[in-house]
């Protein structure tokens, strides 16, 4: 295979409300942490273990404004995009790195705002998203 692919698909819960930043030219960027979980049972003890991974998610422009309007901490979302690592310098002069998921597409799976308005959440795009009992939220 001569090409490459940078694609990520995640289903998880927002760890915090969306943080927005607006630019002079009218553009905007929104950021939020997304928690995904892996659950397994230890064979030796039968203990159920859940590991949570945190992802830094970035949405831009109109998509960011839509997410800001409808999403809040704890809501469940499906995001699709690409992974990007940024390099920056800390105040002490050391190089720091931040890995983010740059969103191309998303689907709200549950939102608190929809629940309060009586609007049913959209259906999950895959069967794996139906494993809600595995999530610690």
N, C-alpha and C. Protein backbone atom coordinates (compact mmCIF):
# COMPACT_ATOMS: atom_id res chain seq x y z
N UNK A 1 0.85 -1.17 0.00
CA UNK A 1 0.00 0.00 0.00
C UNK A 1 0.90 1.24 0.00
N UNK A 2 0.74 2.09 -0.97
CA UNK A 2 1.63 3.23 -1.11
C UNK A 2 1.15 4.47 -0.35
N UNK A 3 -0.13 4.55 -0.03
CA UNK A 3 -0.66 5.73 0.66
C UNK A 3 -0.67 5.55 2.16
N UNK A 4 -1.23 6.52 2.83
CA UNK A 4 -1.38 6.44 4.28
C UNK A 4 -2.77 6.91 4.65
N UNK A 5 -3.15 6.66 5.87
CA UNK A 5 -4.48 7.02 6.34
C UNK A 5 -4.40 7.54 7.77
N UNK A 6 -5.02 8.65 8.02
CA UNK A 6 -5.11 9.22 9.37
C UNK A 6 -6.59 9.41 9.65
N UNK A 7 -7.21 8.45 10.32
CA UNK A 7 -8.64 8.49 10.58
C UNK A 7 -8.91 7.92 11.96
N UNK A 8 -9.76 8.61 12.71
CA UNK A 8 -10.14 8.13 14.04
C UNK A 8 -11.65 8.24 14.18
N UNK A 9 -12.24 7.23 14.83
CA UNK A 9 -13.67 7.24 15.14
C UNK A 9 -13.80 6.93 16.62
N UNK A 10 -14.49 7.79 17.36
CA UNK A 10 -14.64 7.63 18.79
C UNK A 10 -16.10 7.79 19.20
N UNK A 11 -16.51 7.02 20.19
CA UNK A 11 -17.79 7.20 20.86
C UNK A 11 -17.48 7.34 22.33
N UNK A 12 -17.90 8.45 22.90
CA UNK A 12 -17.59 8.67 24.30
C UNK A 12 -18.45 9.75 24.91
N UNK A 13 -18.09 10.12 26.13
CA UNK A 13 -18.81 11.14 26.90
C UNK A 13 -17.93 12.38 27.07
N UNK A 14 -18.54 13.54 27.00
CA UNK A 14 -17.80 14.78 27.24
C UNK A 14 -17.38 14.85 28.69
N UNK A 15 -16.12 15.14 28.92
CA UNK A 15 -15.60 15.26 30.28
C UNK A 15 -15.79 16.65 30.85
N UNK A 16 -16.16 17.61 30.00
CA UNK A 16 -16.36 18.98 30.43
C UNK A 16 -17.16 19.69 29.34
N UNK A 17 -17.67 20.87 29.65
CA UNK A 17 -18.37 21.66 28.64
C UNK A 17 -17.39 22.12 27.57
N UNK A 18 -17.91 22.39 26.40
CA UNK A 18 -17.11 22.88 25.29
C UNK A 18 -16.54 24.25 25.62
N UNK A 19 -15.25 24.44 25.35
CA UNK A 19 -14.59 25.74 25.52
C UNK A 19 -14.43 26.37 24.15
N UNK A 20 -15.01 27.54 23.96
CA UNK A 20 -15.01 28.20 22.65
C UNK A 20 -14.01 29.34 22.60
N UNK A 21 -13.47 29.57 21.40
CA UNK A 21 -12.62 30.72 21.14
C UNK A 21 -13.05 31.27 19.78
N UNK A 22 -13.34 32.58 19.75
CA UNK A 22 -13.78 33.22 18.51
C UNK A 22 -12.66 34.10 17.96
N UNK A 23 -12.51 34.12 16.63
CA UNK A 23 -11.48 34.90 15.97
C UNK A 23 -12.08 36.12 15.31
N UNK A 24 -11.24 37.12 15.02
CA UNK A 24 -11.70 38.36 14.42
C UNK A 24 -12.36 38.16 13.07
N UNK A 25 -11.86 37.25 12.28
CA UNK A 25 -12.41 37.01 10.94
C UNK A 25 -13.74 36.28 10.92
N UNK A 26 -14.28 35.95 12.08
CA UNK A 26 -15.56 35.26 12.15
C UNK A 26 -15.45 33.77 12.41
N UNK A 27 -14.25 33.23 12.36
CA UNK A 27 -14.07 31.80 12.63
C UNK A 27 -14.12 31.50 14.12
N UNK A 28 -14.27 30.25 14.43
CA UNK A 28 -14.29 29.83 15.83
C UNK A 28 -13.71 28.43 15.96
N UNK A 29 -13.30 28.13 17.18
CA UNK A 29 -12.77 26.80 17.48
C UNK A 29 -13.30 26.39 18.85
N UNK A 30 -13.71 25.14 18.95
CA UNK A 30 -14.20 24.61 20.21
C UNK A 30 -13.38 23.40 20.61
N UNK A 31 -13.15 23.25 21.91
CA UNK A 31 -12.37 22.13 22.43
C UNK A 31 -13.11 21.49 23.59
N UNK A 32 -13.02 20.16 23.66
CA UNK A 32 -13.57 19.46 24.82
C UNK A 32 -12.85 18.13 25.01
N UNK A 33 -12.76 17.66 26.26
CA UNK A 33 -12.20 16.33 26.50
C UNK A 33 -13.28 15.27 26.29
N UNK A 34 -12.89 14.16 25.69
CA UNK A 34 -13.81 13.05 25.44
C UNK A 34 -13.27 11.80 26.11
N UNK A 35 -14.11 11.14 26.91
CA UNK A 35 -13.73 9.92 27.61
C UNK A 35 -14.25 8.71 26.85
N UNK A 36 -13.34 7.76 26.57
CA UNK A 36 -13.74 6.46 26.02
C UNK A 36 -13.31 5.39 27.01
N UNK A 37 -14.03 4.28 27.03
CA UNK A 37 -13.80 3.25 28.04
C UNK A 37 -13.59 1.88 27.42
N UNK A 38 -12.78 1.10 28.10
CA UNK A 38 -12.56 -0.30 27.76
C UNK A 38 -12.82 -1.09 29.04
N UNK A 39 -13.69 -2.09 28.94
CA UNK A 39 -14.03 -2.88 30.12
C UNK A 39 -13.69 -4.35 29.86
N UNK A 40 -13.10 -4.98 30.85
CA UNK A 40 -12.79 -6.40 30.76
C UNK A 40 -12.89 -7.01 32.16
N UNK A 41 -12.92 -8.34 32.21
CA UNK A 41 -12.99 -9.06 33.48
C UNK A 41 -11.68 -9.83 33.68
N UNK A 42 -11.07 -9.65 34.84
CA UNK A 42 -9.85 -10.39 35.17
C UNK A 42 -10.19 -11.86 35.35
N UNK A 43 -9.50 -12.73 34.66
CA UNK A 43 -9.78 -14.15 34.75
C UNK A 43 -9.52 -14.70 36.15
N UNK A 44 -8.44 -14.27 36.76
CA UNK A 44 -8.04 -14.82 38.06
C UNK A 44 -9.04 -14.47 39.16
N UNK A 45 -9.55 -13.24 39.17
CA UNK A 45 -10.40 -12.80 40.28
C UNK A 45 -11.86 -12.61 39.89
N UNK A 46 -12.16 -12.53 38.59
CA UNK A 46 -13.52 -12.27 38.16
C UNK A 46 -13.91 -10.80 38.32
N UNK A 47 -12.95 -9.98 38.71
CA UNK A 47 -13.20 -8.55 38.92
C UNK A 47 -13.36 -7.84 37.57
N UNK A 48 -14.39 -6.99 37.49
CA UNK A 48 -14.62 -6.19 36.29
C UNK A 48 -13.77 -4.92 36.38
N UNK A 49 -12.97 -4.67 35.34
CA UNK A 49 -12.07 -3.52 35.32
C UNK A 49 -12.44 -2.61 34.15
N UNK A 50 -12.51 -1.31 34.41
CA UNK A 50 -12.79 -0.33 33.37
C UNK A 50 -11.62 0.64 33.28
N UNK A 51 -11.05 0.75 32.09
CA UNK A 51 -9.98 1.72 31.83
C UNK A 51 -10.56 2.85 30.99
N UNK A 52 -10.31 4.08 31.39
CA UNK A 52 -10.80 5.25 30.67
C UNK A 52 -9.63 5.95 30.00
N UNK A 53 -9.79 6.26 28.73
CA UNK A 53 -8.82 7.06 27.99
C UNK A 53 -9.45 8.41 27.70
N UNK A 54 -8.64 9.46 27.76
CA UNK A 54 -9.11 10.82 27.50
C UNK A 54 -8.52 11.33 26.19
N UNK A 55 -9.35 11.97 25.39
CA UNK A 55 -8.95 12.48 24.08
C UNK A 55 -9.28 13.97 24.03
N UNK A 56 -8.35 14.77 23.51
CA UNK A 56 -8.59 16.19 23.31
C UNK A 56 -9.23 16.37 21.94
N UNK A 57 -10.47 16.86 21.91
CA UNK A 57 -11.24 16.96 20.67
C UNK A 57 -11.36 18.43 20.27
N UNK A 58 -11.18 18.69 18.96
CA UNK A 58 -11.26 20.04 18.42
C UNK A 58 -12.28 20.08 17.29
N UNK A 59 -13.23 21.02 17.39
CA UNK A 59 -14.20 21.27 16.31
C UNK A 59 -14.05 22.72 15.87
N UNK A 60 -14.32 22.99 14.61
CA UNK A 60 -14.09 24.32 14.07
C UNK A 60 -15.36 24.93 13.47
N UNK A 61 -15.40 26.26 13.50
CA UNK A 61 -16.38 27.10 12.82
C UNK A 61 -17.83 26.69 13.12
N UNK A 62 -18.64 26.43 12.10
CA UNK A 62 -20.07 26.16 12.31
C UNK A 62 -20.28 24.91 13.17
N UNK A 63 -19.45 23.90 12.97
CA UNK A 63 -19.57 22.67 13.77
C UNK A 63 -19.34 22.98 15.25
N UNK A 64 -18.40 23.86 15.53
CA UNK A 64 -18.12 24.25 16.92
C UNK A 64 -19.32 24.98 17.53
N UNK A 65 -19.94 25.84 16.76
CA UNK A 65 -21.10 26.59 17.25
C UNK A 65 -22.29 25.65 17.53
N UNK A 66 -22.47 24.65 16.68
CA UNK A 66 -23.55 23.67 16.89
C UNK A 66 -23.27 22.86 18.16
N UNK A 67 -22.03 22.42 18.32
CA UNK A 67 -21.67 21.65 19.52
C UNK A 67 -21.84 22.50 20.77
N UNK A 68 -21.46 23.77 20.71
CA UNK A 68 -21.61 24.65 21.87
C UNK A 68 -23.09 24.79 22.25
N UNK A 69 -23.95 24.84 21.27
CA UNK A 69 -25.38 25.03 21.52
C UNK A 69 -26.03 23.81 22.18
N UNK A 70 -25.62 22.61 21.77
CA UNK A 70 -26.34 21.41 22.19
C UNK A 70 -25.61 20.51 23.19
N UNK A 71 -24.29 20.61 23.31
CA UNK A 71 -23.55 19.67 24.14
C UNK A 71 -23.19 20.26 25.49
N UNK A 72 -23.14 19.39 26.48
CA UNK A 72 -22.64 19.78 27.80
C UNK A 72 -21.98 18.55 28.43
N UNK A 73 -21.31 18.78 29.53
CA UNK A 73 -20.57 17.72 30.23
C UNK A 73 -21.45 16.49 30.44
N UNK A 74 -20.91 15.32 30.12
CA UNK A 74 -21.63 14.07 30.30
C UNK A 74 -22.37 13.57 29.08
N UNK A 75 -22.60 14.44 28.09
CA UNK A 75 -23.30 14.02 26.88
C UNK A 75 -22.47 13.03 26.08
N UNK A 76 -23.16 12.18 25.35
CA UNK A 76 -22.52 11.13 24.56
C UNK A 76 -22.49 11.55 23.09
N UNK A 77 -21.35 11.36 22.44
CA UNK A 77 -21.19 11.80 21.05
C UNK A 77 -20.31 10.82 20.28
N UNK A 78 -20.58 10.73 18.99
CA UNK A 78 -19.73 9.99 18.05
C UNK A 78 -18.98 11.05 17.25
N UNK A 79 -17.65 10.94 17.21
CA UNK A 79 -16.84 11.87 16.41
C UNK A 79 -15.98 11.09 15.44
N UNK A 80 -15.76 11.70 14.29
CA UNK A 80 -14.92 11.12 13.27
C UNK A 80 -13.97 12.21 12.79
N UNK A 81 -12.70 11.89 12.65
CA UNK A 81 -11.76 12.90 12.22
C UNK A 81 -10.36 12.34 12.06
N UNK A 82 -9.37 13.20 12.33
CA UNK A 82 -7.98 12.78 12.19
C UNK A 82 -7.19 13.20 13.42
N UNK A 83 -6.07 12.53 13.66
CA UNK A 83 -5.21 12.83 14.79
C UNK A 83 -4.13 13.82 14.34
N UNK A 84 -3.92 14.83 15.16
CA UNK A 84 -2.88 15.82 14.87
C UNK A 84 -2.12 16.11 16.16
N UNK A 85 -0.79 16.15 16.06
CA UNK A 85 0.04 16.48 17.21
C UNK A 85 0.64 17.87 16.99
N UNK A 86 0.44 18.75 17.96
CA UNK A 86 0.99 20.10 17.91
C UNK A 86 2.19 20.19 18.85
N UNK A 87 3.18 20.97 18.44
CA UNK A 87 4.36 21.23 19.27
C UNK A 87 4.32 22.69 19.70
N UNK A 88 4.62 22.94 20.99
CA UNK A 88 4.65 24.31 21.50
C UNK A 88 5.68 24.39 22.61
N UNK A 89 6.06 25.59 22.97
CA UNK A 89 7.06 25.77 24.02
C UNK A 89 6.39 26.24 25.31
N UNK A 90 6.78 25.59 26.40
CA UNK A 90 6.28 25.97 27.72
C UNK A 90 7.03 27.23 28.18
N UNK A 91 6.54 27.82 29.26
CA UNK A 91 7.16 29.03 29.79
C UNK A 91 8.62 28.82 30.16
N UNK A 92 8.98 27.61 30.57
CA UNK A 92 10.37 27.33 30.93
C UNK A 92 11.25 27.01 29.72
N UNK A 93 10.69 27.10 28.51
CA UNK A 93 11.46 26.90 27.29
C UNK A 93 11.51 25.47 26.78
N UNK A 94 10.91 24.53 27.50
CA UNK A 94 10.91 23.13 27.06
C UNK A 94 9.86 22.91 25.98
N UNK A 95 10.14 22.00 25.07
CA UNK A 95 9.17 21.65 24.04
C UNK A 95 8.07 20.79 24.65
N UNK A 96 6.85 21.10 24.33
CA UNK A 96 5.68 20.34 24.79
C UNK A 96 4.89 19.91 23.56
N UNK A 97 4.14 18.82 23.73
CA UNK A 97 3.36 18.28 22.63
C UNK A 97 1.93 18.05 23.09
N UNK A 98 1.00 18.23 22.18
CA UNK A 98 -0.41 18.00 22.47
C UNK A 98 -1.00 17.24 21.29
N UNK A 99 -1.62 16.10 21.56
CA UNK A 99 -2.26 15.31 20.51
C UNK A 99 -3.76 15.54 20.58
N UNK A 100 -4.35 15.87 19.42
CA UNK A 100 -5.77 16.21 19.36
C UNK A 100 -6.47 15.42 18.26
N UNK A 101 -7.78 15.29 18.41
CA UNK A 101 -8.62 14.73 17.37
C UNK A 101 -9.31 15.91 16.70
N UNK A 102 -8.99 16.14 15.42
CA UNK A 102 -9.60 17.22 14.65
C UNK A 102 -10.84 16.64 13.97
N UNK A 103 -12.01 17.13 14.35
CA UNK A 103 -13.28 16.52 13.95
C UNK A 103 -13.67 16.94 12.53
N UNK A 104 -14.03 15.93 11.72
CA UNK A 104 -14.59 16.15 10.39
C UNK A 104 -16.10 15.96 10.40
N UNK A 105 -16.59 15.04 11.24
CA UNK A 105 -18.01 14.72 11.29
C UNK A 105 -18.35 14.28 12.71
N UNK A 106 -19.60 14.47 13.11
CA UNK A 106 -20.02 14.07 14.45
C UNK A 106 -21.52 13.77 14.45
N UNK A 107 -21.94 12.99 15.44
CA UNK A 107 -23.35 12.70 15.66
C UNK A 107 -23.61 12.75 17.15
N UNK A 108 -24.60 13.52 17.56
CA UNK A 108 -25.00 13.55 18.96
C UNK A 108 -25.74 12.25 19.26
N UNK A 109 -25.31 11.54 20.27
CA UNK A 109 -25.99 10.31 20.66
C UNK A 109 -26.96 10.57 21.80
N UNK A 110 -26.57 11.39 22.76
CA UNK A 110 -27.47 11.88 23.79
C UNK A 110 -27.04 13.30 24.14
N UNK A 111 -28.00 14.13 24.43
CA UNK A 111 -27.68 15.46 24.94
C UNK A 111 -28.67 15.78 26.05
N UNK A 112 -28.22 16.44 27.08
CA UNK A 112 -29.10 16.83 28.17
C UNK A 112 -30.14 17.82 27.68
N UNK A 113 -29.74 18.70 26.77
CA UNK A 113 -30.66 19.71 26.26
C UNK A 113 -31.78 19.05 25.47
N UNK A 114 -31.47 18.00 24.67
CA UNK A 114 -32.52 17.28 23.94
C UNK A 114 -33.47 16.59 24.90
N UNK A 115 -32.93 15.98 25.95
CA UNK A 115 -33.77 15.27 26.91
C UNK A 115 -34.76 16.21 27.57
N UNK A 116 -34.31 17.43 27.91
CA UNK A 116 -35.20 18.37 28.59
C UNK A 116 -36.25 18.94 27.65
N UNK A 117 -35.99 18.91 26.33
CA UNK A 117 -36.96 19.43 25.37
C UNK A 117 -37.86 18.32 24.81
N UNK A 118 -37.62 17.08 25.21
CA UNK A 118 -38.42 15.96 24.73
C UNK A 118 -38.03 15.50 23.34
N UNK A 119 -36.87 15.90 22.84
CA UNK A 119 -36.40 15.48 21.53
C UNK A 119 -35.62 14.18 21.69
N UNK A 120 -35.98 13.12 20.97
CA UNK A 120 -35.24 11.86 21.12
C UNK A 120 -33.83 11.99 20.54
N UNK A 121 -32.84 11.34 21.19
CA UNK A 121 -31.48 11.37 20.65
C UNK A 121 -31.40 10.60 19.35
N UNK A 122 -30.42 10.93 18.51
CA UNK A 122 -30.23 10.20 17.26
C UNK A 122 -29.73 8.80 17.55
N UNK A 123 -29.89 7.91 16.60
CA UNK A 123 -29.46 6.53 16.77
C UNK A 123 -27.95 6.42 16.62
N UNK A 124 -27.30 5.55 17.38
CA UNK A 124 -25.86 5.35 17.26
C UNK A 124 -25.50 4.83 15.87
N UNK A 125 -24.34 5.25 15.33
CA UNK A 125 -23.96 4.80 14.00
C UNK A 125 -23.46 3.37 13.94
N UNK A 126 -23.10 2.76 15.08
CA UNK A 126 -22.61 1.39 15.08
C UNK A 126 -23.20 0.64 16.26
N UNK A 127 -23.12 -0.68 16.21
CA UNK A 127 -23.61 -1.49 17.31
C UNK A 127 -22.75 -1.34 18.55
N UNK A 128 -21.45 -1.04 18.39
CA UNK A 128 -20.56 -0.91 19.54
C UNK A 128 -21.01 0.21 20.47
N UNK A 129 -21.69 1.21 19.94
CA UNK A 129 -22.13 2.32 20.78
C UNK A 129 -23.24 1.92 21.73
N UNK A 130 -23.82 0.73 21.55
CA UNK A 130 -24.91 0.30 22.43
C UNK A 130 -24.40 -0.30 23.73
N UNK A 131 -23.10 -0.32 23.96
CA UNK A 131 -22.53 -0.89 25.18
C UNK A 131 -22.48 0.15 26.29
N UNK A 132 -23.57 0.85 26.53
CA UNK A 132 -23.57 1.93 27.50
C UNK A 132 -23.33 1.43 28.92
N UNK A 133 -23.66 0.17 29.21
CA UNK A 133 -23.43 -0.33 30.56
C UNK A 133 -21.95 -0.42 30.89
N UNK A 134 -21.07 -0.36 29.87
CA UNK A 134 -19.63 -0.42 30.10
C UNK A 134 -19.06 0.96 30.47
N UNK A 135 -19.86 2.01 30.39
CA UNK A 135 -19.36 3.36 30.63
C UNK A 135 -19.57 3.76 32.09
N UNK A 136 -18.58 4.39 32.72
CA UNK A 136 -18.68 4.70 34.15
C UNK A 136 -19.48 5.97 34.44
N UNK A 137 -20.14 6.58 33.50
CA UNK A 137 -20.86 7.83 33.73
C UNK A 137 -22.29 7.58 34.12
